[in-house]
N, C-alpha and C. Protein backbone atom coordinates (compact mmCIF):
# COMPACT_ATOMS: atom_id res chain seq x y z
N MET A 1 10.60 -8.62 -10.12
CA MET A 1 9.92 -9.89 -10.15
C MET A 1 9.36 -10.19 -8.77
N LEU A 2 8.11 -10.62 -8.74
CA LEU A 2 7.47 -10.97 -7.48
C LEU A 2 7.77 -12.41 -7.10
N LEU A 3 8.02 -12.61 -5.84
CA LEU A 3 8.25 -13.95 -5.35
C LEU A 3 7.40 -14.14 -4.11
N VAL A 4 6.51 -15.12 -4.16
CA VAL A 4 5.64 -15.42 -3.03
C VAL A 4 5.94 -16.83 -2.58
N THR A 5 6.38 -16.96 -1.34
CA THR A 5 6.68 -18.29 -0.82
C THR A 5 5.54 -18.75 0.06
N ARG A 6 5.32 -20.04 0.03
CA ARG A 6 4.21 -20.62 0.78
C ARG A 6 4.54 -20.67 2.27
N LYS A 7 3.61 -20.18 3.07
CA LYS A 7 3.78 -20.23 4.52
C LYS A 7 3.33 -21.58 5.05
N ASP A 8 3.71 -21.89 6.29
CA ASP A 8 3.28 -23.15 6.89
C ASP A 8 1.76 -23.18 6.99
N ASN A 9 1.18 -24.29 6.66
CA ASN A 9 -0.27 -24.52 6.73
C ASN A 9 -1.07 -23.54 5.89
N GLU A 10 -0.50 -23.06 4.80
CA GLU A 10 -1.23 -22.15 3.91
C GLU A 10 -1.73 -22.94 2.70
N ASP A 11 -3.01 -22.78 2.42
CA ASP A 11 -3.56 -23.50 1.26
C ASP A 11 -3.27 -22.71 -0.01
N GLY A 12 -3.58 -23.31 -1.14
CA GLY A 12 -3.31 -22.69 -2.44
C GLY A 12 -4.09 -21.41 -2.64
N GLU A 13 -5.33 -21.36 -2.12
CA GLU A 13 -6.14 -20.15 -2.28
C GLU A 13 -5.53 -18.96 -1.54
N GLY A 14 -5.05 -19.21 -0.35
CA GLY A 14 -4.42 -18.13 0.42
C GLY A 14 -3.16 -17.62 -0.27
N LEU A 15 -2.40 -18.54 -0.83
CA LEU A 15 -1.19 -18.17 -1.56
C LEU A 15 -1.53 -17.33 -2.79
N LEU A 16 -2.55 -17.77 -3.51
CA LEU A 16 -2.98 -17.03 -4.70
C LEU A 16 -3.53 -15.65 -4.32
N ARG A 17 -4.27 -15.58 -3.24
CA ARG A 17 -4.83 -14.31 -2.77
C ARG A 17 -3.71 -13.33 -2.41
N ARG A 18 -2.67 -13.83 -1.73
CA ARG A 18 -1.54 -12.97 -1.38
C ARG A 18 -0.79 -12.51 -2.62
N PHE A 19 -0.63 -13.41 -3.59
CA PHE A 19 0.04 -13.05 -4.84
C PHE A 19 -0.74 -11.97 -5.58
N ASN A 20 -2.05 -12.15 -5.72
CA ASN A 20 -2.88 -11.15 -6.40
C ASN A 20 -2.82 -9.79 -5.71
N LYS A 21 -2.80 -9.79 -4.40
CA LYS A 21 -2.73 -8.55 -3.65
C LYS A 21 -1.40 -7.84 -3.92
N MET A 22 -0.32 -8.61 -3.99
CA MET A 22 1.00 -8.02 -4.26
C MET A 22 1.07 -7.48 -5.68
N VAL A 23 0.48 -8.19 -6.63
CA VAL A 23 0.48 -7.74 -8.02
C VAL A 23 -0.27 -6.41 -8.13
N GLN A 24 -1.42 -6.31 -7.49
CA GLN A 24 -2.19 -5.07 -7.54
C GLN A 24 -1.44 -3.93 -6.85
N ARG A 25 -0.83 -4.21 -5.72
CA ARG A 25 -0.12 -3.18 -4.98
C ARG A 25 1.07 -2.63 -5.78
N ASP A 26 1.75 -3.51 -6.49
CA ASP A 26 2.92 -3.08 -7.27
C ASP A 26 2.53 -2.44 -8.60
N GLY A 27 1.27 -2.58 -9.02
CA GLY A 27 0.82 -1.94 -10.25
C GLY A 27 1.32 -2.64 -11.52
N ILE A 28 1.58 -3.91 -11.44
CA ILE A 28 2.13 -4.65 -12.56
C ILE A 28 1.12 -4.74 -13.71
N LEU A 29 -0.14 -5.03 -13.40
CA LEU A 29 -1.15 -5.14 -14.45
C LEU A 29 -1.41 -3.80 -15.12
N GLN A 30 -1.45 -2.73 -14.35
CA GLN A 30 -1.65 -1.40 -14.93
C GLN A 30 -0.51 -1.07 -15.89
N GLU A 31 0.69 -1.40 -15.49
CA GLU A 31 1.86 -1.14 -16.33
C GLU A 31 1.77 -1.94 -17.64
N ALA A 32 1.35 -3.20 -17.54
CA ALA A 32 1.23 -4.04 -18.74
C ALA A 32 0.16 -3.50 -19.68
N ARG A 33 -0.96 -3.07 -19.14
CA ARG A 33 -2.03 -2.50 -19.97
C ARG A 33 -1.56 -1.22 -20.64
N ARG A 34 -0.82 -0.41 -19.90
CA ARG A 34 -0.33 0.85 -20.45
C ARG A 34 0.65 0.61 -21.59
N ARG A 35 1.47 -0.42 -21.47
CA ARG A 35 2.48 -0.70 -22.49
C ARG A 35 1.96 -1.54 -23.65
N ARG A 36 0.71 -1.96 -23.57
CA ARG A 36 0.16 -2.84 -24.59
C ARG A 36 0.19 -2.20 -25.98
N SER A 37 -0.06 -0.90 -26.05
CA SER A 37 -0.05 -0.23 -27.34
C SER A 37 0.67 1.11 -27.21
N PHE A 38 1.24 1.55 -28.31
CA PHE A 38 1.98 2.81 -28.32
C PHE A 38 1.01 3.98 -28.32
N ILE A 39 1.30 4.97 -27.50
CA ILE A 39 0.50 6.20 -27.44
C ILE A 39 1.47 7.36 -27.63
N SER A 40 1.20 8.18 -28.63
CA SER A 40 2.09 9.30 -28.91
C SER A 40 2.00 10.33 -27.79
N ASN A 41 3.00 11.19 -27.72
CA ASN A 41 3.00 12.24 -26.70
C ASN A 41 1.81 13.16 -26.85
N ARG A 42 1.44 13.47 -28.08
CA ARG A 42 0.29 14.34 -28.32
C ARG A 42 -0.99 13.69 -27.81
N GLU A 43 -1.13 12.39 -28.03
CA GLU A 43 -2.32 11.68 -27.56
C GLU A 43 -2.35 11.64 -26.03
N LYS A 44 -1.21 11.47 -25.40
CA LYS A 44 -1.14 11.52 -23.94
C LYS A 44 -1.59 12.89 -23.44
N GLN A 45 -1.17 13.93 -24.14
CA GLN A 45 -1.54 15.29 -23.77
C GLN A 45 -3.05 15.48 -23.92
N ARG A 46 -3.62 14.98 -25.02
CA ARG A 46 -5.08 15.08 -25.22
C ARG A 46 -5.83 14.35 -24.11
N GLN A 47 -5.35 13.17 -23.75
CA GLN A 47 -6.01 12.41 -22.69
C GLN A 47 -5.95 13.17 -21.37
N ALA A 48 -4.81 13.78 -21.08
CA ALA A 48 -4.68 14.56 -19.85
C ALA A 48 -5.62 15.76 -19.87
N GLU A 49 -5.74 16.41 -21.02
CA GLU A 49 -6.66 17.55 -21.14
C GLU A 49 -8.10 17.11 -20.93
N ARG A 50 -8.47 15.96 -21.51
CA ARG A 50 -9.84 15.46 -21.33
C ARG A 50 -10.10 15.10 -19.87
N ARG A 51 -9.12 14.48 -19.22
CA ARG A 51 -9.29 14.15 -17.80
C ARG A 51 -9.46 15.41 -16.96
N ALA A 52 -8.65 16.43 -17.26
CA ALA A 52 -8.74 17.68 -16.50
C ALA A 52 -10.09 18.35 -16.73
N ALA A 53 -10.57 18.34 -17.97
CA ALA A 53 -11.87 18.96 -18.27
C ALA A 53 -12.98 18.22 -17.54
N ARG A 54 -12.89 16.91 -17.53
CA ARG A 54 -13.91 16.12 -16.82
C ARG A 54 -13.88 16.42 -15.33
N ARG A 55 -12.66 16.52 -14.78
CA ARG A 55 -12.52 16.85 -13.36
C ARG A 55 -13.15 18.19 -13.06
N ARG A 56 -12.90 19.19 -13.93
CA ARG A 56 -13.48 20.52 -13.72
C ARG A 56 -15.00 20.48 -13.80
N ARG A 57 -15.53 19.74 -14.79
CA ARG A 57 -17.00 19.63 -14.92
C ARG A 57 -17.61 18.98 -13.69
N ARG A 58 -17.00 17.92 -13.22
CA ARG A 58 -17.53 17.23 -12.05
C ARG A 58 -17.47 18.13 -10.81
N GLN A 59 -16.39 18.88 -10.67
CA GLN A 59 -16.27 19.79 -9.54
C GLN A 59 -17.34 20.88 -9.62
N ALA A 60 -17.58 21.39 -10.84
CA ALA A 60 -18.60 22.42 -11.03
C ALA A 60 -19.99 21.87 -10.69
N MET A 61 -20.25 20.62 -11.06
CA MET A 61 -21.54 20.01 -10.75
C MET A 61 -21.72 19.87 -9.25
N LYS A 62 -20.67 19.51 -8.54
CA LYS A 62 -20.76 19.39 -7.08
C LYS A 62 -21.08 20.74 -6.46
N LEU A 63 -20.44 21.79 -6.98
CA LEU A 63 -20.68 23.13 -6.41
C LEU A 63 -22.10 23.60 -6.69
N THR A 64 -22.65 23.33 -7.87
CA THR A 64 -24.00 23.78 -8.19
C THR A 64 -25.04 22.98 -7.43
N ARG A 65 -24.77 21.75 -7.10
CA ARG A 65 -25.73 20.94 -6.35
C ARG A 65 -25.86 21.42 -4.90
N ARG A 66 -24.80 21.95 -4.36
CA ARG A 66 -24.82 22.40 -2.96
C ARG A 66 -25.69 23.63 -2.75
N ARG A 67 -25.83 24.42 -3.77
CA ARG A 67 -26.57 25.68 -3.61
C ARG A 67 -28.03 25.50 -3.56
């Protein structure tokens, strides 16, 4: 659980900005989005394969552009 205490002479915007920064750093929103729906192990594997294929394609495009 995140706890953000107000510093002396800190306005509400600064407090909110610090809170948002901490939430992003801890990855809380990413975790909530990931847990929003069930994904089977096979689907996770397919997603990983698609990401790897995309990475390979992008790397190949970079190499062909240099020549």
